[in-house]
Amino acid sequence: VPMEEARKLNPALPKVVYGGPENPLGARALY
């Protein structure tokens, strides 16, 4: 889920990028 700062840099970002090969978070995430 792109945060505000990411949206400022790229307003065309979707609200959610679903998990998969095109997701910037890749295969795993630790929060």
PDB file of all heavy atoms in Angstrom:
ATOM      1  N   VAL A   1       0.873  -1.178   0.000  1.00  0.00           N
ATOM      2  CA  VAL A   1       0.000   0.000   0.000  1.00  0.00           C
ATOM      3  C   VAL A   1       0.910   1.228   0.000  1.00  0.00           C
ATOM      4  O   VAL A   1       1.500   1.560   1.035  1.00  0.00           O
ATOM      5  CB  VAL A   1      -0.927   0.013   1.228  1.00  0.00           C
ATOM      6  CG1 VAL A   1      -1.812   1.253   1.201  1.00  0.00           C
ATOM      7  CG2 VAL A   1      -1.784  -1.247   1.275  1.00  0.00           C
ATOM      8  N   PRO A   2       1.083   1.905  -1.124  1.00  0.00           N
ATOM      9  CA  PRO A   2       1.994   3.043  -1.192  1.00  0.00           C
ATOM     10  C   PRO A   2       1.623   4.139  -0.197  1.00  0.00           C
ATOM     11  O   PRO A   2       0.454   4.503  -0.081  1.00  0.00           O
ATOM     12  CB  PRO A   2       1.850   3.536  -2.644  1.00  0.00           C
ATOM     13  CG  PRO A   2       1.343   2.356  -3.399  1.00  0.00           C
ATOM     14  CD  PRO A   2       0.460   1.618  -2.437  1.00  0.00           C
ATOM     15  N   MET A   3       2.623   4.647   0.516  1.00  0.00           N
ATOM     16  CA  MET A   3       2.402   5.716   1.479  1.00  0.00           C
ATOM     17  C   MET A   3       2.397   7.072   0.774  1.00  0.00           C
ATOM     18  O   MET A   3       2.667   7.181  -0.418  1.00  0.00           O
ATOM     19  CB  MET A   3       3.486   5.669   2.554  1.00  0.00           C
ATOM     20  CG  MET A   3       3.545   4.349   3.295  1.00  0.00           C
ATOM     21  SD  MET A   3       1.988   3.958   4.131  1.00  0.00           S
ATOM     22  CE  MET A   3       1.900   5.280   5.329  1.00  0.00           C
ATOM     23  N   GLU A   4       2.097   8.113   1.548  1.00  0.00           N
ATOM     24  CA  GLU A   4       1.963   9.462   0.994  1.00  0.00           C
ATOM     25  C   GLU A   4       3.219   9.914   0.257  1.00  0.00           C
ATOM     26  O   GLU A   4       3.135  10.509  -0.826  1.00  0.00           O
ATOM     27  CB  GLU A   4       1.633  10.446   2.113  1.00  0.00           C
ATOM     28  CG  GLU A   4       1.445  11.880   1.641  1.00  0.00           C
ATOM     29  CD  GLU A   4       1.112  12.830   2.776  1.00  0.00           C
ATOM     30  OE1 GLU A   4       0.901  12.360   3.907  1.00  0.00           O
ATOM     31  OE2 GLU A   4       1.070  14.050   2.524  1.00  0.00           O
ATOM     32  N   GLU A   5       4.393   9.633   0.843  1.00  0.00           N
ATOM     33  CA  GLU A   5       5.632  10.080   0.217  1.00  0.00           C
ATOM     34  C   GLU A   5       5.824   9.431  -1.149  1.00  0.00           C
ATOM     35  O   GLU A   5       6.263  10.070  -2.106  1.00  0.00           O
ATOM     36  CB  GLU A   5       6.814   9.759   1.127  1.00  0.00           C
ATOM     37  CG  GLU A   5       8.124  10.413   0.726  1.00  0.00           C
ATOM     38  CD  GLU A   5       8.085  11.934   0.851  1.00  0.00           C
ATOM     39  OE1 GLU A   5       7.409  12.432   1.775  1.00  0.00           O
ATOM     40  OE2 GLU A   5       8.716  12.609   0.017  1.00  0.00           O
ATOM     41  N   ALA A   6       5.487   8.145  -1.235  1.00  0.00           N
ATOM     42  CA  ALA A   6       5.608   7.447  -2.517  1.00  0.00           C
ATOM     43  C   ALA A   6       4.645   8.025  -3.543  1.00  0.00           C
ATOM     44  O   ALA A   6       4.974   8.146  -4.734  1.00  0.00           O
ATOM     45  CB  ALA A   6       5.357   5.959  -2.321  1.00  0.00           C
ATOM     46  N   ARG A   7       3.457   8.408  -3.095  1.00  0.00           N
ATOM     47  CA  ARG A   7       2.465   8.977  -4.014  1.00  0.00           C
ATOM     48  C   ARG A   7       2.880  10.360  -4.510  1.00  0.00           C
ATOM     49  O   ARG A   7       2.572  10.754  -5.637  1.00  0.00           O
ATOM     50  CB  ARG A   7       1.104   9.053  -3.337  1.00  0.00           C
ATOM     51  CG  ARG A   7       0.502   7.685  -3.070  1.00  0.00           C
ATOM     52  CD  ARG A   7      -0.930   7.786  -2.570  1.00  0.00           C
ATOM     53  NE  ARG A   7      -1.483   6.470  -2.401  1.00  0.00           N
ATOM     54  CZ  ARG A   7      -1.898   5.690  -3.391  1.00  0.00           C
ATOM     55  NH1 ARG A   7      -1.809   6.129  -4.639  1.00  0.00           N
ATOM     56  NH2 ARG A   7      -2.390   4.499  -3.154  1.00  0.00           N
ATOM     57  N   LYS A   8       3.580  11.104  -3.651  1.00  0.00           N
ATOM     58  CA  LYS A   8       4.075  12.410  -4.084  1.00  0.00           C
ATOM     59  C   LYS A   8       5.076  12.252  -5.230  1.00  0.00           C
ATOM     60  O   LYS A   8       5.097  13.036  -6.174  1.00  0.00           O
ATOM     61  CB  LYS A   8       4.750  13.127  -2.915  1.00  0.00           C
ATOM     62  CG  LYS A   8       3.795  13.663  -1.862  1.00  0.00           C
ATOM     63  CD  LYS A   8       4.574  14.354  -0.750  1.00  0.00           C
ATOM     64  CE  LYS A   8       3.636  14.873   0.339  1.00  0.00           C
ATOM     65  NZ  LYS A   8       4.392  15.510   1.455  1.00  0.00           N
ATOM     66  N   LEU A   9       5.906  11.225  -5.114  1.00  0.00           N
ATOM     67  CA  LEU A   9       6.920  10.987  -6.142  1.00  0.00           C
ATOM     68  C   LEU A   9       6.323  10.377  -7.402  1.00  0.00           C
ATOM     69  O   LEU A   9       6.851  10.578  -8.501  1.00  0.00           O
ATOM     70  CB  LEU A   9       8.014  10.070  -5.578  1.00  0.00           C
ATOM     71  CG  LEU A   9       8.824  10.647  -4.413  1.00  0.00           C
ATOM     72  CD1 LEU A   9       9.749   9.580  -3.833  1.00  0.00           C
ATOM     73  CD2 LEU A   9       9.631  11.858  -4.860  1.00  0.00           C
ATOM     74  N   ASN A  10       5.244   9.614  -7.233  1.00  0.00           N
ATOM     75  CA  ASN A  10       4.607   8.963  -8.381  1.00  0.00           C
ATOM     76  C   ASN A  10       3.101   8.936  -8.172  1.00  0.00           C
ATOM     77  O   ASN A  10       2.547   7.963  -7.664  1.00  0.00           O
ATOM     78  CB  ASN A  10       5.147   7.538  -8.550  1.00  0.00           C
ATOM     79  CG  ASN A  10       4.612   6.868  -9.801  1.00  0.00           C
ATOM     80  OD1 ASN A  10       3.806   7.449 -10.546  1.00  0.00           O
ATOM     81  ND2 ASN A  10       5.038   5.647 -10.052  1.00  0.00           N
ATOM     82  N   PRO A  11       2.397  10.010  -8.549  1.00  0.00           N
ATOM     83  CA  PRO A  11       0.947  10.096  -8.341  1.00  0.00           C
ATOM     84  C   PRO A  11       0.156   9.000  -9.052  1.00  0.00           C
ATOM     85  O   PRO A  11      -1.004   8.752  -8.706  1.00  0.00           O
ATOM     86  CB  PRO A  11       0.589  11.479  -8.912  1.00  0.00           C
ATOM     87  CG  PRO A  11       1.865  12.249  -8.876  1.00  0.00           C
ATOM     88  CD  PRO A  11       2.947  11.242  -9.134  1.00  0.00           C
ATOM     89  N   ALA A  12       0.756   8.344 -10.042  1.00  0.00           N
ATOM     90  CA  ALA A  12       0.038   7.320 -10.804  1.00  0.00           C
ATOM     91  C   ALA A  12      -0.017   5.972 -10.086  1.00  0.00           C
ATOM     92  O   ALA A  12      -0.632   5.030 -10.588  1.00  0.00           O
ATOM     93  CB  ALA A  12       0.693   7.147 -12.165  1.00  0.00           C
ATOM     94  N   LEU A  13       0.619   5.865  -8.928  1.00  0.00           N
ATOM     95  CA  LEU A  13       0.613   4.590  -8.213  1.00  0.00           C
ATOM     96  C   LEU A  13      -0.808   4.161  -7.857  1.00  0.00           C
ATOM     97  O   LEU A  13      -1.618   4.992  -7.435  1.00  0.00           O
ATOM     98  CB  LEU A  13       1.443   4.694  -6.928  1.00  0.00           C
ATOM     99  CG  LEU A  13       2.963   4.693  -7.072  1.00  0.00           C
ATOM    100  CD1 LEU A  13       3.625   5.002  -5.730  1.00  0.00           C
ATOM    101  CD2 LEU A  13       3.448   3.343  -7.589  1.00  0.00           C
ATOM    102  N   PRO A  14      -1.119   2.873  -7.969  1.00  0.00           N
ATOM    103  CA  PRO A  14      -2.439   2.392  -7.540  1.00  0.00           C
ATOM    104  C   PRO A  14      -2.546   2.410  -6.021  1.00  0.00           C
ATOM    105  O   PRO A  14      -1.544   2.546  -5.321  1.00  0.00           O
ATOM    106  CB  PRO A  14      -2.472   0.955  -8.083  1.00  0.00           C
ATOM    107  CG  PRO A  14      -1.040   0.560  -8.157  1.00  0.00           C
ATOM    108  CD  PRO A  14      -0.280   1.806  -8.515  1.00  0.00           C
ATOM    109  N   LYS A  15      -3.744   2.275  -5.512  1.00  0.00           N
ATOM    110  CA  LYS A  15      -3.944   2.260  -4.060  1.00  0.00           C
ATOM    111  C   LYS A  15      -3.281   1.040  -3.428  1.00  0.00           C
ATOM    112  O   LYS A  15      -2.769   1.109  -2.319  1.00  0.00           O
ATOM    113  CB  LYS A  15      -5.440   2.273  -3.736  1.00  0.00           C
ATOM    114  CG  LYS A  15      -6.134   3.581  -4.085  1.00  0.00           C
ATOM    115  CD  LYS A  15      -7.597   3.554  -3.663  1.00  0.00           C
ATOM    116  CE  LYS A  15      -8.267   4.895  -3.974  1.00  0.00           C
ATOM    117  NZ  LYS A  15      -9.698   4.885  -3.572  1.00  0.00           N
ATOM    118  N   VAL A  16      -3.328  -0.085  -4.149  1.00  0.00           N
ATOM    119  CA  VAL A  16      -2.725  -1.320  -3.649  1.00  0.00           C
ATOM    120  C   VAL A  16      -2.016  -2.013  -4.803  1.00  0.00           C
ATOM    121  O   VAL A  16      -2.557  -2.106  -5.907  1.00  0.00           O
ATOM    122  CB  VAL A  16      -3.775  -2.283  -3.059  1.00  0.00           C
ATOM    123  CG1 VAL A  16      -3.099  -3.557  -2.560  1.00  0.00           C
ATOM    124  CG2 VAL A  16      -4.564  -1.628  -1.943  1.00  0.00           C
ATOM    125  N   VAL A  17      -0.804  -2.490  -4.529  1.00  0.00           N
ATOM    126  CA  VAL A  17      -0.088  -3.349  -5.479  1.00  0.00           C
ATOM    127  C   VAL A  17      -0.082  -4.743  -4.858  1.00  0.00           C
ATOM    128  O   VAL A  17       0.501  -4.959  -3.792  1.00  0.00           O
ATOM    129  CB  VAL A  17       1.353  -2.872  -5.725  1.00  0.00           C
ATOM    130  CG1 VAL A  17       2.058  -3.804  -6.703  1.00  0.00           C
ATOM    131  CG2 VAL A  17       1.367  -1.432  -6.239  1.00  0.00           C
ATOM    132  N   TYR A  18      -0.780  -5.662  -5.492  1.00  0.00           N
ATOM    133  CA  TYR A  18      -0.935  -6.987  -4.907  1.00  0.00           C
ATOM    134  C   TYR A  18       0.346  -7.813  -5.041  1.00  0.00           C
ATOM    135  O   TYR A  18       1.171  -7.582  -5.925  1.00  0.00           O
ATOM    136  CB  TYR A  18      -2.127  -7.708  -5.544  1.00  0.00           C
ATOM    137  CG  TYR A  18      -3.431  -7.037  -5.199  1.00  0.00           C
ATOM    138  CD1 TYR A  18      -4.057  -6.182  -6.100  1.00  0.00           C
ATOM    139  CD2 TYR A  18      -4.008  -7.218  -3.944  1.00  0.00           C
ATOM    140  CE1 TYR A  18      -5.248  -5.530  -5.776  1.00  0.00           C
ATOM    141  CE2 TYR A  18      -5.190  -6.575  -3.606  1.00  0.00           C
ATOM    142  CZ  TYR A  18      -5.797  -5.728  -4.528  1.00  0.00           C
ATOM    143  OH  TYR A  18      -6.960  -5.075  -4.181  1.00  0.00           O
ATOM    144  N   GLY A  19       0.524  -8.741  -4.108  1.00  0.00           N
ATOM    145  CA  GLY A  19       1.733  -9.548  -4.067  1.00  0.00           C
ATOM    146  C   GLY A  19       1.992 -10.284  -5.366  1.00  0.00           C
ATOM    147  O   GLY A  19       1.061 -10.782  -5.992  1.00  0.00           O
ATOM    148  N   GLY A  20       3.247 -10.345  -5.760  1.00  0.00           N
ATOM    149  CA  GLY A  20       3.608 -11.023  -6.999  1.00  0.00           C
ATOM    150  C   GLY A  20       4.917 -10.495  -7.541  1.00  0.00           C
ATOM    151  O   GLY A  20       5.589  -9.679  -6.907  1.00  0.00           O
ATOM    152  N   PRO A  21       5.284 -10.933  -8.730  1.00  0.00           N
ATOM    153  CA  PRO A  21       6.601 -10.584  -9.288  1.00  0.00           C
ATOM    154  C   PRO A  21       6.784  -9.105  -9.589  1.00  0.00           C
ATOM    155  O   PRO A  21       7.914  -8.643  -9.703  1.00  0.00           O
ATOM    156  CB  PRO A  21       6.678 -11.432 -10.566  1.00  0.00           C
ATOM    157  CG  PRO A  21       5.266 -11.770 -10.893  1.00  0.00           C
ATOM    158  CD  PRO A  21       4.557 -11.878  -9.581  1.00  0.00           C
ATOM    159  N   GLU A  22       5.699  -8.329  -9.722  1.00  0.00           N
ATOM    160  CA  GLU A  22       5.820  -6.905 -10.016  1.00  0.00           C
ATOM    161  C   GLU A  22       5.690  -6.048  -8.766  1.00  0.00           C
ATOM    162  O   GLU A  22       5.699  -4.816  -8.853  1.00  0.00           O
ATOM    163  CB  GLU A  22       4.791  -6.494 -11.061  1.00  0.00           C
ATOM    164  CG  GLU A  22       4.981  -7.196 -12.408  1.00  0.00           C
ATOM    165  CD  GLU A  22       4.000  -6.729 -13.450  1.00  0.00           C
ATOM    166  OE1 GLU A  22       3.186  -5.831 -13.145  1.00  0.00           O
ATOM    167  OE2 GLU A  22       4.039  -7.268 -14.570  1.00  0.00           O
ATOM    168  N   ASN A  23       5.578  -6.676  -7.614  1.00  0.00           N
ATOM    169  CA  ASN A  23       5.433  -5.932  -6.362  1.00  0.00           C
ATOM    170  C   ASN A  23       6.804  -5.513  -5.840  1.00  0.00           C
ATOM    171  O   ASN A  23       7.701  -6.346  -5.712  1.00  0.00           O
ATOM    172  CB  ASN A  23       4.716  -6.809  -5.330  1.00  0.00           C
ATOM    173  CG  ASN A  23       4.322  -6.037  -4.089  1.00  0.00           C
ATOM    174  OD1 ASN A  23       5.140  -5.403  -3.451  1.00  0.00           O
ATOM    175  ND2 ASN A  23       3.045  -6.115  -3.742  1.00  0.00           N
ATOM    176  N   PRO A  24       6.987  -4.232  -5.494  1.00  0.00           N
ATOM    177  CA  PRO A  24       8.292  -3.771  -4.997  1.00  0.00           C
ATOM    178  C   PRO A  24       8.746  -4.427  -3.698  1.00  0.00           C
ATOM    179  O   PRO A  24       9.943  -4.377  -3.381  1.00  0.00           O
ATOM    180  CB  PRO A  24       8.076  -2.263  -4.793  1.00  0.00           C
ATOM    181  CG  PRO A  24       6.951  -1.910  -5.703  1.00  0.00           C
ATOM    182  CD  PRO A  24       6.052  -3.111  -5.693  1.00  0.00           C
ATOM    183  N   LEU A  25       7.826  -5.039  -2.944  1.00  0.00           N
ATOM    184  CA  LEU A  25       8.217  -5.689  -1.689  1.00  0.00           C
ATOM    185  C   LEU A  25       8.789  -7.081  -1.904  1.00  0.00           C
ATOM    186  O   LEU A  25       9.318  -7.691  -0.969  1.00  0.00           O
ATOM    187  CB  LEU A  25       7.026  -5.773  -0.725  1.00  0.00           C
ATOM    188  CG  LEU A  25       6.425  -4.452  -0.259  1.00  0.00           C
ATOM    189  CD1 LEU A  25       5.362  -4.703   0.811  1.00  0.00           C
ATOM    190  CD2 LEU A  25       7.490  -3.506   0.273  1.00  0.00           C
ATOM    191  N   GLY A  26       8.676  -7.594  -3.114  1.00  0.00           N
ATOM    192  CA  GLY A  26       9.283  -8.883  -3.403  1.00  0.00           C
ATOM    193  C   GLY A  26       8.632 -10.057  -2.688  1.00  0.00           C
ATOM    194  O   GLY A  26       7.430 -10.060  -2.402  1.00  0.00           O
ATOM    195  N   ALA A  27       9.462 -11.054  -2.367  1.00  0.00           N
ATOM    196  CA  ALA A  27       8.965 -12.348  -1.889  1.00  0.00           C
ATOM    197  C   ALA A  27       8.527 -12.367  -0.428  1.00  0.00           C
ATOM    198  O   ALA A  27       7.711 -13.201  -0.040  1.00  0.00           O
ATOM    199  CB  ALA A  27      10.045 -13.413  -2.111  1.00  0.00           C
ATOM    200  N   ARG A  28       9.098 -11.500   0.397  1.00  0.00           N
ATOM    201  CA  ARG A  28       8.789 -11.508   1.826  1.00  0.00           C
ATOM    202  C   ARG A  28       8.907 -10.089   2.365  1.00  0.00           C
ATOM    203  O   ARG A  28       9.641  -9.255   1.825  1.00  0.00           O
ATOM    204  CB  ARG A  28       9.754 -12.410   2.620  1.00  0.00           C
ATOM    205  CG  ARG A  28       9.814 -13.866   2.191  1.00  0.00           C
ATOM    206  CD  ARG A  28       8.585 -14.638   2.618  1.00  0.00           C
ATOM    207  NE  ARG A  28       8.764 -16.068   2.417  1.00  0.00           N
ATOM    208  CZ  ARG A  28       8.507 -16.710   1.276  1.00  0.00           C
ATOM    209  NH1 ARG A  28       8.104 -16.032   0.210  1.00  0.00           N
ATOM    210  NH2 ARG A  28       8.679 -18.027   1.189  1.00  0.00           N
ATOM    211  N   ALA A  29       8.208  -9.852   3.493  1.00  0.00           N
ATOM    212  CA  ALA A  29       8.349  -8.571   4.179  1.00  0.00           C
ATOM    213  C   ALA A  29       8.301  -8.792   5.683  1.00  0.00           C
ATOM    214  O   ALA A  29       7.504  -9.593   6.183  1.00  0.00           O
ATOM    215  CB  ALA A  29       7.259  -7.588   3.756  1.00  0.00           C
ATOM    216  N   LEU A  30       9.177  -8.088   6.391  1.00  0.00           N
ATOM    217  CA  LEU A  30       9.202  -8.048   7.847  1.00  0.00           C
ATOM    218  C   LEU A  30       8.887  -6.608   8.246  1.00  0.00           C
ATOM    219  O   LEU A  30       9.529  -5.673   7.763  1.00  0.00           O
ATOM    220  CB  LEU A  30      10.574  -8.455   8.381  1.00  0.00           C
ATOM    221  CG  LEU A  30      11.105  -9.817   7.927  1.00  0.00           C
ATOM    222  CD1 LEU A  30      12.558  -9.993   8.355  1.00  0.00           C
ATOM    223  CD2 LEU A  30      10.245 -10.937   8.499  1.00  0.00           C
ATOM    224  N   TYR A  31       7.900  -6.419   9.121  1.00  0.00           N
ATOM    225  CA  TYR A  31       7.368  -5.099   9.438  1.00  0.00           C
ATOM    226  C   TYR A  31       7.919  -4.619  10.779  1.00  0.00           C
ATOM    227  O   TYR A  31       7.780  -5.313  11.792  1.00  0.00           O
ATOM    228  CB  TYR A  31       5.840  -5.141   9.470  1.00  0.00           C
ATOM    229  CG  TYR A  31       5.231  -5.489   8.128  1.00  0.00           C
ATOM    230  CD1 TYR A  31       5.284  -6.797   7.633  1.00  0.00           C
ATOM    231  CD2 TYR A  31       4.629  -4.513   7.345  1.00  0.00           C
ATOM    232  CE1 TYR A  31       4.744  -7.118   6.392  1.00  0.00           C
ATOM    233  CE2 TYR A  31       4.077  -4.824   6.094  1.00  0.00           C
ATOM    234  CZ  TYR A  31       4.147  -6.128   5.634  1.00  0.00           C
ATOM    235  OH  TYR A  31       3.612  -6.443   4.399  1.00  0.00           O
TER     236      TYR A  31
END
